[in-house]
N, C-alpha and C. Protein backbone atom coordinates (compact mmCIF):
# COMPACT_ATOMS: atom_id res chain seq x y z
N MET A 1 111.08 77.49 112.25
CA MET A 1 112.52 77.49 112.16
C MET A 1 112.96 78.60 111.21
N ALA A 2 113.93 79.37 111.59
CA ALA A 2 114.47 80.44 110.75
C ALA A 2 115.80 80.01 110.14
N ARG A 3 116.00 80.43 108.89
CA ARG A 3 117.24 80.08 108.19
C ARG A 3 117.94 81.37 107.78
N SER A 4 119.04 81.69 108.42
CA SER A 4 119.81 82.90 108.11
C SER A 4 120.87 82.59 107.08
N GLY A 5 121.26 83.62 106.33
CA GLY A 5 122.37 83.50 105.39
C GLY A 5 122.03 82.79 104.09
N VAL A 6 120.76 82.44 103.88
CA VAL A 6 120.34 81.75 102.67
C VAL A 6 120.19 82.73 101.51
N ILE A 7 119.70 83.93 101.82
CA ILE A 7 119.46 84.95 100.79
C ILE A 7 119.97 86.30 101.24
N THR A 8 120.11 87.19 100.24
CA THR A 8 120.38 88.59 100.51
C THR A 8 119.38 89.43 99.73
N PHE A 9 119.15 90.63 100.23
CA PHE A 9 118.33 91.61 99.54
C PHE A 9 119.16 92.86 99.38
N LYS A 10 119.53 93.15 98.13
CA LYS A 10 120.45 94.27 97.83
C LYS A 10 121.73 94.13 98.65
N GLY A 11 122.20 92.90 98.77
CA GLY A 11 123.44 92.61 99.48
C GLY A 11 123.32 92.40 100.97
N ALA A 12 122.20 92.77 101.57
CA ALA A 12 122.02 92.62 103.02
C ALA A 12 121.49 91.22 103.34
N PRO A 13 122.12 90.50 104.25
CA PRO A 13 121.63 89.16 104.62
C PRO A 13 120.22 89.23 105.20
N MET A 14 119.41 88.28 104.81
CA MET A 14 118.03 88.19 105.28
C MET A 14 117.80 86.79 105.84
N THR A 15 116.70 86.64 106.58
CA THR A 15 116.33 85.38 107.20
C THR A 15 115.06 84.85 106.55
N LEU A 16 115.06 83.57 106.20
CA LEU A 16 113.85 82.93 105.71
C LEU A 16 113.19 82.18 106.85
N ALA A 17 111.90 82.39 107.01
CA ALA A 17 111.15 81.73 108.07
C ALA A 17 110.55 80.43 107.55
N GLY A 18 110.56 79.42 108.37
CA GLY A 18 109.94 78.15 108.02
C GLY A 18 110.94 77.12 107.54
N GLU A 19 110.46 75.92 107.40
CA GLU A 19 111.27 74.80 106.92
C GLU A 19 111.45 74.92 105.41
N GLU A 20 112.62 74.61 104.93
CA GLU A 20 112.88 74.65 103.49
C GLU A 20 112.14 73.52 102.80
N LEU A 21 111.45 73.85 101.71
CA LEU A 21 110.77 72.86 100.89
C LEU A 21 111.81 72.25 99.97
N ARG A 22 112.05 70.97 100.08
CA ARG A 22 113.14 70.32 99.33
C ARG A 22 112.60 69.39 98.24
N VAL A 23 113.44 69.14 97.25
CA VAL A 23 113.13 68.17 96.21
C VAL A 23 112.85 66.83 96.89
N GLY A 24 111.76 66.19 96.46
CA GLY A 24 111.37 64.91 97.03
C GLY A 24 110.27 65.02 98.07
N SER A 25 110.07 66.22 98.62
CA SER A 25 109.01 66.39 99.61
C SER A 25 107.68 66.63 98.91
N SER A 26 106.61 66.50 99.66
CA SER A 26 105.27 66.75 99.13
C SER A 26 104.90 68.21 99.35
N LEU A 27 104.13 68.75 98.42
CA LEU A 27 103.61 70.10 98.62
C LEU A 27 102.79 70.13 99.89
N PRO A 28 103.01 71.13 100.74
CA PRO A 28 102.19 71.24 101.94
C PRO A 28 100.80 71.76 101.59
N GLU A 29 99.88 71.61 102.52
CA GLU A 29 98.56 72.22 102.36
C GLU A 29 98.75 73.74 102.39
N PHE A 30 98.02 74.46 101.55
CA PHE A 30 98.13 75.91 101.51
C PHE A 30 96.83 76.50 100.99
N THR A 31 96.67 77.79 101.21
CA THR A 31 95.55 78.54 100.65
C THR A 31 96.08 79.86 100.11
N LEU A 32 95.81 80.11 98.85
CA LEU A 32 96.13 81.38 98.20
C LEU A 32 94.81 82.02 97.77
N HIS A 33 94.83 83.32 97.59
CA HIS A 33 93.62 84.05 97.19
C HIS A 33 93.86 84.76 95.87
N TYR A 34 92.82 84.82 95.05
CA TYR A 34 92.88 85.58 93.81
C TYR A 34 91.54 86.24 93.57
N PHE A 35 91.54 87.19 92.65
CA PHE A 35 90.31 87.92 92.34
C PHE A 35 89.88 87.60 90.92
N GLU A 36 88.66 87.10 90.81
CA GLU A 36 88.06 86.84 89.50
C GLU A 36 86.55 86.96 89.68
N GLY A 37 86.05 88.19 89.58
CA GLY A 37 84.64 88.43 89.84
C GLY A 37 84.28 88.31 91.31
N GLY A 38 85.26 88.24 92.16
CA GLY A 38 85.12 88.07 93.61
C GLY A 38 86.35 87.34 94.11
N LEU A 39 86.54 87.32 95.41
CA LEU A 39 87.69 86.62 95.98
C LEU A 39 87.47 85.12 95.94
N LYS A 40 88.47 84.40 95.46
CA LYS A 40 88.43 82.94 95.36
C LYS A 40 89.74 82.39 95.89
N THR A 41 89.81 81.06 96.04
CA THR A 41 91.01 80.45 96.60
C THR A 41 91.63 79.41 95.66
N ILE A 42 92.91 79.20 95.86
CA ILE A 42 93.67 78.11 95.24
C ILE A 42 94.26 77.33 96.41
N THR A 43 94.05 76.02 96.41
CA THR A 43 94.60 75.17 97.46
C THR A 43 95.44 74.06 96.84
N ARG A 44 96.08 73.28 97.70
CA ARG A 44 96.89 72.16 97.22
C ARG A 44 96.07 71.24 96.33
N SER A 45 94.87 70.91 96.75
CA SER A 45 94.05 69.98 95.96
C SER A 45 93.72 70.54 94.58
N ASP A 46 93.68 71.87 94.43
CA ASP A 46 93.39 72.48 93.14
C ASP A 46 94.51 72.29 92.12
N VAL A 47 95.73 72.05 92.59
CA VAL A 47 96.85 71.92 91.64
C VAL A 47 97.25 70.46 91.40
N LEU A 48 96.67 69.54 92.13
CA LEU A 48 96.98 68.13 91.89
C LEU A 48 96.34 67.68 90.58
N GLY A 49 96.98 66.71 89.93
CA GLY A 49 96.46 66.19 88.67
C GLY A 49 97.22 66.66 87.46
N LYS A 50 98.00 67.73 87.60
CA LYS A 50 98.84 68.25 86.52
C LYS A 50 100.15 68.72 87.13
N PRO A 51 101.23 68.69 86.36
CA PRO A 51 102.47 69.32 86.86
C PRO A 51 102.20 70.79 87.16
N THR A 52 102.89 71.30 88.18
CA THR A 52 102.66 72.68 88.61
C THR A 52 103.98 73.41 88.78
N ILE A 53 104.00 74.66 88.33
CA ILE A 53 105.13 75.53 88.59
C ILE A 53 104.64 76.71 89.42
N PHE A 54 105.31 76.94 90.54
CA PHE A 54 105.05 78.11 91.38
C PHE A 54 106.21 79.07 91.18
N SER A 55 105.91 80.29 90.80
CA SER A 55 106.90 81.35 90.66
C SER A 55 106.64 82.35 91.77
N MET A 56 107.53 82.36 92.78
CA MET A 56 107.35 83.25 93.91
C MET A 56 108.10 84.56 93.67
N VAL A 57 107.43 85.67 93.98
CA VAL A 57 108.03 87.00 93.82
C VAL A 57 107.66 87.87 95.03
N PRO A 58 108.53 88.81 95.40
CA PRO A 58 108.19 89.72 96.51
C PRO A 58 106.99 90.62 96.19
N SER A 59 106.95 91.23 94.99
CA SER A 59 105.84 92.10 94.62
C SER A 59 105.82 92.30 93.11
N LEU A 60 104.66 92.10 92.50
CA LEU A 60 104.54 92.26 91.05
C LEU A 60 104.81 93.68 90.58
N ASP A 61 104.71 94.63 91.47
CA ASP A 61 104.91 96.03 91.09
C ASP A 61 106.38 96.46 91.12
N THR A 62 107.29 95.50 91.04
CA THR A 62 108.72 95.82 90.97
C THR A 62 109.28 95.24 89.67
N GLY A 63 110.36 95.82 89.21
CA GLY A 63 110.92 95.48 87.90
C GLY A 63 111.25 94.01 87.69
N VAL A 64 112.03 93.42 88.58
CA VAL A 64 112.47 92.04 88.39
C VAL A 64 111.29 91.08 88.53
N CYS A 65 110.38 91.36 89.42
CA CYS A 65 109.19 90.51 89.59
C CYS A 65 108.32 90.54 88.34
N ALA A 66 108.17 91.72 87.75
CA ALA A 66 107.41 91.85 86.51
C ALA A 66 108.10 91.10 85.38
N ILE A 67 109.42 91.22 85.29
CA ILE A 67 110.18 90.49 84.27
C ILE A 67 109.98 88.98 84.44
N GLN A 68 110.12 88.49 85.66
CA GLN A 68 109.98 87.06 85.93
C GLN A 68 108.59 86.57 85.53
N THR A 69 107.57 87.31 85.87
CA THR A 69 106.20 86.90 85.57
C THR A 69 105.95 86.92 84.07
N ARG A 70 106.40 87.97 83.38
CA ARG A 70 106.24 88.04 81.93
C ARG A 70 107.01 86.92 81.23
N LYS A 71 108.22 86.63 81.69
CA LYS A 71 109.05 85.59 81.08
C LYS A 71 108.36 84.22 81.20
N PHE A 72 107.95 83.84 82.41
CA PHE A 72 107.27 82.56 82.57
C PHE A 72 105.96 82.54 81.79
N ASN A 73 105.22 83.62 81.80
CA ASN A 73 103.97 83.69 81.05
C ASN A 73 104.21 83.38 79.58
N GLY A 74 105.22 83.99 78.99
CA GLY A 74 105.53 83.75 77.58
C GLY A 74 106.00 82.33 77.31
N GLU A 75 106.86 81.83 78.17
CA GLU A 75 107.41 80.48 77.99
C GLU A 75 106.37 79.39 78.19
N LEU A 76 105.37 79.64 79.02
CA LEU A 76 104.40 78.61 79.36
C LEU A 76 103.13 78.65 78.51
N ALA A 77 103.01 79.62 77.64
CA ALA A 77 101.80 79.77 76.83
C ALA A 77 101.47 78.50 76.04
N ALA A 78 102.49 77.84 75.50
CA ALA A 78 102.27 76.64 74.70
C ALA A 78 101.81 75.44 75.53
N LEU A 79 101.97 75.52 76.85
CA LEU A 79 101.60 74.40 77.72
C LEU A 79 100.24 74.58 78.39
N GLU A 80 99.53 75.61 78.02
CA GLU A 80 98.25 75.90 78.65
C GLU A 80 97.32 74.70 78.58
N GLY A 81 96.72 74.36 79.70
CA GLY A 81 95.84 73.21 79.79
C GLY A 81 96.56 71.94 80.22
N LYS A 82 97.88 71.89 80.05
CA LYS A 82 98.66 70.72 80.42
C LYS A 82 99.30 70.85 81.79
N ILE A 83 99.40 72.09 82.29
CA ILE A 83 100.08 72.36 83.55
C ILE A 83 99.28 73.38 84.37
N ASN A 84 99.68 73.52 85.62
CA ASN A 84 99.25 74.64 86.45
C ASN A 84 100.45 75.57 86.57
N ALA A 85 100.23 76.84 86.39
CA ALA A 85 101.29 77.83 86.54
C ALA A 85 100.75 78.95 87.42
N VAL A 86 101.43 79.18 88.55
CA VAL A 86 100.93 80.14 89.53
C VAL A 86 102.05 81.07 89.97
N THR A 87 101.85 82.36 89.82
CA THR A 87 102.74 83.36 90.40
C THR A 87 102.19 83.70 91.77
N VAL A 88 103.06 83.67 92.78
CA VAL A 88 102.63 83.89 94.16
C VAL A 88 103.38 85.06 94.76
N SER A 89 102.65 85.96 95.41
CA SER A 89 103.25 87.06 96.16
C SER A 89 102.32 87.39 97.33
N ARG A 90 102.71 88.39 98.11
CA ARG A 90 101.84 88.84 99.19
C ARG A 90 101.08 90.11 98.78
N ASP A 91 101.17 90.47 97.48
CA ASP A 91 100.38 91.58 96.96
C ASP A 91 98.90 91.27 97.15
N LEU A 92 98.09 92.30 97.23
CA LEU A 92 96.65 92.10 97.31
C LEU A 92 96.13 91.48 96.01
N PRO A 93 95.14 90.61 96.08
CA PRO A 93 94.59 89.98 94.87
C PRO A 93 94.13 91.00 93.83
N PHE A 94 93.62 92.13 94.27
CA PHE A 94 93.12 93.16 93.35
C PHE A 94 94.28 93.77 92.56
N ALA A 95 95.40 94.02 93.23
CA ALA A 95 96.58 94.56 92.56
C ALA A 95 97.16 93.54 91.59
N MET A 96 97.15 92.27 91.99
CA MET A 96 97.66 91.22 91.11
C MET A 96 96.80 91.12 89.85
N ASN A 97 95.49 91.21 90.03
CA ASN A 97 94.56 91.16 88.90
C ASN A 97 94.80 92.35 87.96
N ARG A 98 94.99 93.52 88.53
CA ARG A 98 95.26 94.71 87.72
C ARG A 98 96.55 94.53 86.92
N PHE A 99 97.61 94.05 87.57
CA PHE A 99 98.89 93.82 86.91
C PHE A 99 98.71 92.85 85.73
N CYS A 100 98.02 91.75 85.95
CA CYS A 100 97.85 90.76 84.89
C CYS A 100 97.08 91.33 83.71
N GLY A 101 96.08 92.14 83.97
CA GLY A 101 95.34 92.78 82.90
C GLY A 101 96.20 93.75 82.12
N ALA A 102 96.97 94.56 82.82
CA ALA A 102 97.83 95.55 82.16
C ALA A 102 98.96 94.91 81.38
N GLU A 103 99.44 93.75 81.85
CA GLU A 103 100.58 93.08 81.22
C GLU A 103 100.17 91.90 80.32
N SER A 104 98.88 91.69 80.14
CA SER A 104 98.36 90.58 79.34
C SER A 104 98.90 89.22 79.80
N ILE A 105 98.93 89.02 81.11
CA ILE A 105 99.36 87.74 81.68
C ILE A 105 98.18 86.79 81.61
N LYS A 106 98.29 85.78 80.76
CA LYS A 106 97.17 84.86 80.55
C LYS A 106 97.55 83.40 80.80
N SER A 107 98.85 83.09 80.80
CA SER A 107 99.28 81.70 80.96
C SER A 107 99.58 81.34 82.41
N MET A 108 99.53 82.33 83.28
CA MET A 108 99.81 82.10 84.70
C MET A 108 98.65 82.62 85.52
N ARG A 109 98.27 81.86 86.53
CA ARG A 109 97.32 82.37 87.51
C ARG A 109 98.14 83.11 88.56
N VAL A 110 97.50 83.96 89.30
CA VAL A 110 98.18 84.62 90.41
C VAL A 110 97.49 84.23 91.70
N GLY A 111 98.29 84.06 92.73
CA GLY A 111 97.76 83.71 94.04
C GLY A 111 98.41 84.58 95.09
N SER A 112 97.60 85.17 95.92
CA SER A 112 98.09 86.05 96.96
C SER A 112 98.13 85.34 98.31
N ASP A 113 99.23 85.55 99.01
CA ASP A 113 99.45 85.00 100.34
C ASP A 113 99.24 86.09 101.40
N TYR A 114 98.41 87.09 101.07
CA TYR A 114 98.28 88.28 101.91
C TYR A 114 97.57 88.04 103.23
N GLN A 115 96.63 87.11 103.28
CA GLN A 115 95.80 87.00 104.48
C GLN A 115 96.54 86.44 105.68
N SER A 116 97.18 85.31 105.51
CA SER A 116 97.78 84.65 106.68
C SER A 116 99.27 84.38 106.53
N GLY A 117 99.79 84.52 105.33
CA GLY A 117 101.18 84.14 105.11
C GLY A 117 101.37 82.64 105.16
N ASP A 118 100.28 81.91 105.06
CA ASP A 118 100.25 80.45 105.14
C ASP A 118 101.19 79.79 104.11
N PHE A 119 101.10 80.22 102.88
CA PHE A 119 101.91 79.64 101.82
C PHE A 119 103.40 79.86 102.10
N GLY A 120 103.77 81.11 102.36
CA GLY A 120 105.18 81.43 102.61
C GLY A 120 105.74 80.68 103.79
N SER A 121 104.96 80.54 104.84
CA SER A 121 105.42 79.81 106.03
C SER A 121 105.63 78.34 105.72
N LYS A 122 104.66 77.72 105.07
CA LYS A 122 104.72 76.28 104.82
C LYS A 122 105.74 75.92 103.74
N PHE A 123 106.01 76.85 102.83
CA PHE A 123 107.01 76.61 101.78
C PHE A 123 108.40 77.08 102.23
N GLY A 124 108.48 77.76 103.37
CA GLY A 124 109.75 78.27 103.86
C GLY A 124 110.29 79.41 103.01
N MET A 125 109.40 80.26 102.50
CA MET A 125 109.77 81.29 101.54
C MET A 125 109.52 82.72 102.03
N THR A 126 109.15 82.91 103.29
CA THR A 126 108.90 84.26 103.79
C THR A 126 110.18 84.89 104.29
N ILE A 127 110.48 86.10 103.78
CA ILE A 127 111.62 86.87 104.27
C ILE A 127 111.17 87.48 105.60
N ASP A 128 111.73 87.01 106.68
CA ASP A 128 111.27 87.41 108.01
C ASP A 128 111.33 88.92 108.22
N GLU A 129 112.40 89.55 107.81
CA GLU A 129 112.58 90.99 108.03
C GLU A 129 111.61 91.85 107.22
N LEU A 130 111.19 91.37 106.06
CA LEU A 130 110.34 92.16 105.16
C LEU A 130 108.88 91.71 105.12
N LYS A 131 108.63 90.50 105.62
CA LYS A 131 107.29 89.90 105.57
C LYS A 131 106.79 89.78 104.13
N LEU A 132 107.71 89.57 103.20
CA LEU A 132 107.40 89.33 101.80
C LEU A 132 107.92 87.95 101.43
N LEU A 133 107.46 87.42 100.29
CA LEU A 133 108.01 86.17 99.81
C LEU A 133 109.35 86.44 99.14
N THR A 134 110.26 85.49 99.25
CA THR A 134 111.52 85.59 98.55
C THR A 134 111.32 85.19 97.09
N ARG A 135 112.29 85.46 96.26
CA ARG A 135 112.23 85.05 94.86
C ARG A 135 112.61 83.58 94.78
N ALA A 136 111.72 82.78 94.23
CA ALA A 136 111.95 81.34 94.17
C ALA A 136 111.06 80.72 93.10
N VAL A 137 111.41 79.48 92.74
CA VAL A 137 110.60 78.69 91.80
C VAL A 137 110.53 77.27 92.34
N VAL A 138 109.33 76.70 92.34
CA VAL A 138 109.12 75.32 92.75
C VAL A 138 108.31 74.63 91.65
N VAL A 139 108.76 73.44 91.27
CA VAL A 139 108.03 72.62 90.30
C VAL A 139 107.65 71.33 91.00
N ALA A 140 106.37 70.95 90.86
CA ALA A 140 105.88 69.71 91.46
C ALA A 140 105.20 68.86 90.39
N ASP A 141 105.25 67.55 90.58
CA ASP A 141 104.59 66.66 89.64
C ASP A 141 103.08 66.64 89.90
N ALA A 142 102.36 65.84 89.12
CA ALA A 142 100.90 65.80 89.22
C ALA A 142 100.40 65.27 90.56
N HIS A 143 101.28 64.60 91.31
CA HIS A 143 100.91 64.06 92.62
C HIS A 143 101.31 64.99 93.76
N GLY A 144 101.92 66.14 93.44
CA GLY A 144 102.32 67.10 94.46
C GLY A 144 103.71 66.85 95.03
N LYS A 145 104.51 66.03 94.36
CA LYS A 145 105.89 65.80 94.80
C LYS A 145 106.80 66.85 94.15
N VAL A 146 107.61 67.51 94.97
CA VAL A 146 108.51 68.55 94.48
C VAL A 146 109.66 67.91 93.70
N VAL A 147 109.83 68.34 92.44
CA VAL A 147 110.91 67.82 91.60
C VAL A 147 112.00 68.87 91.34
N TYR A 148 111.69 70.14 91.65
CA TYR A 148 112.65 71.22 91.43
C TYR A 148 112.33 72.33 92.43
N ALA A 149 113.36 72.88 93.05
CA ALA A 149 113.17 74.01 93.96
C ALA A 149 114.39 74.90 93.89
N GLU A 150 114.17 76.16 93.60
CA GLU A 150 115.26 77.14 93.58
C GLU A 150 114.87 78.34 94.43
N ILE A 151 115.71 78.65 95.39
CA ILE A 151 115.61 79.91 96.12
C ILE A 151 116.73 80.77 95.55
N VAL A 152 116.38 81.88 94.94
CA VAL A 152 117.38 82.76 94.32
C VAL A 152 118.17 83.43 95.44
N PRO A 153 119.50 83.27 95.44
CA PRO A 153 120.31 83.77 96.56
C PRO A 153 120.22 85.29 96.78
N GLU A 154 120.15 86.06 95.70
CA GLU A 154 120.00 87.52 95.81
C GLU A 154 118.62 87.85 95.29
N VAL A 155 117.76 88.37 96.16
CA VAL A 155 116.36 88.60 95.84
C VAL A 155 116.17 89.49 94.62
N THR A 156 117.11 90.38 94.33
CA THR A 156 116.96 91.29 93.19
C THR A 156 117.45 90.67 91.88
N SER A 157 117.85 89.39 91.90
CA SER A 157 118.28 88.68 90.69
C SER A 157 117.15 87.80 90.18
N GLU A 158 117.24 87.43 88.89
CA GLU A 158 116.24 86.57 88.29
C GLU A 158 116.55 85.10 88.57
N PRO A 159 115.52 84.25 88.52
CA PRO A 159 115.74 82.81 88.74
C PRO A 159 116.37 82.17 87.50
N ASN A 160 116.70 80.90 87.62
CA ASN A 160 117.23 80.13 86.51
C ASN A 160 116.03 79.58 85.72
N TYR A 161 115.57 80.36 84.75
CA TYR A 161 114.39 79.99 83.97
C TYR A 161 114.58 78.66 83.27
N GLU A 162 115.75 78.47 82.66
CA GLU A 162 116.00 77.27 81.87
C GLU A 162 115.89 76.01 82.72
N ALA A 163 116.48 76.02 83.91
CA ALA A 163 116.43 74.84 84.78
C ALA A 163 115.00 74.55 85.23
N ALA A 164 114.27 75.58 85.60
CA ALA A 164 112.88 75.39 86.04
C ALA A 164 112.02 74.85 84.91
N LEU A 165 112.18 75.42 83.73
CA LEU A 165 111.39 74.97 82.58
C LEU A 165 111.77 73.55 82.17
N ALA A 166 113.05 73.22 82.26
CA ALA A 166 113.49 71.84 81.94
C ALA A 166 112.85 70.85 82.91
N ALA A 167 112.80 71.20 84.19
CA ALA A 167 112.17 70.32 85.18
C ALA A 167 110.70 70.14 84.87
N LEU A 168 110.03 71.22 84.48
CA LEU A 168 108.61 71.15 84.15
C LEU A 168 108.40 70.30 82.90
N HIS A 169 109.17 70.54 81.86
CA HIS A 169 109.03 69.79 80.61
C HIS A 169 109.33 68.30 80.83
N GLY A 170 110.20 67.99 81.78
CA GLY A 170 110.51 66.60 82.09
C GLY A 170 109.33 65.83 82.66
N LEU A 171 108.30 66.54 83.08
CA LEU A 171 107.12 65.91 83.66
C LEU A 171 106.02 65.67 82.62
N LEU A 172 106.22 66.19 81.42
CA LEU A 172 105.17 66.09 80.39
C LEU A 172 105.35 64.87 79.50
């Protein structure tokens, strides 16, 4: 299912592919890839057991995406070990790893949706025209129930950090 008029990119209307992930729904099954001495995966079962925040970005190599990742990384440092924090994009795992090393991103894992677009499709976060993820934040409890979901209306704008962090802190 496609959803038009939900977001814009530099003012141009875009279409999101897939069903919208709503508060109260369960996290769908997904597979993300990351690089740590080789290609590895993150799945739904890997994030169960702790509250999880997913920070979706179109590409880490852009200004607003880098800001968003650095901001969440800094804010979440004190919660390390108590939560799962994952930045998700369709960037290659190797590029994501390089970015994290250069930016000292240590409080967030990165997961790439490059292979199949599985995550973006199941979360309803793929910009159909660009084949990139939209800017969004999803918070789920330890059982995988979504308690907060924000799709940023203008892709070049930052998310509501305070609301996302409040939802996450409410689970601790």
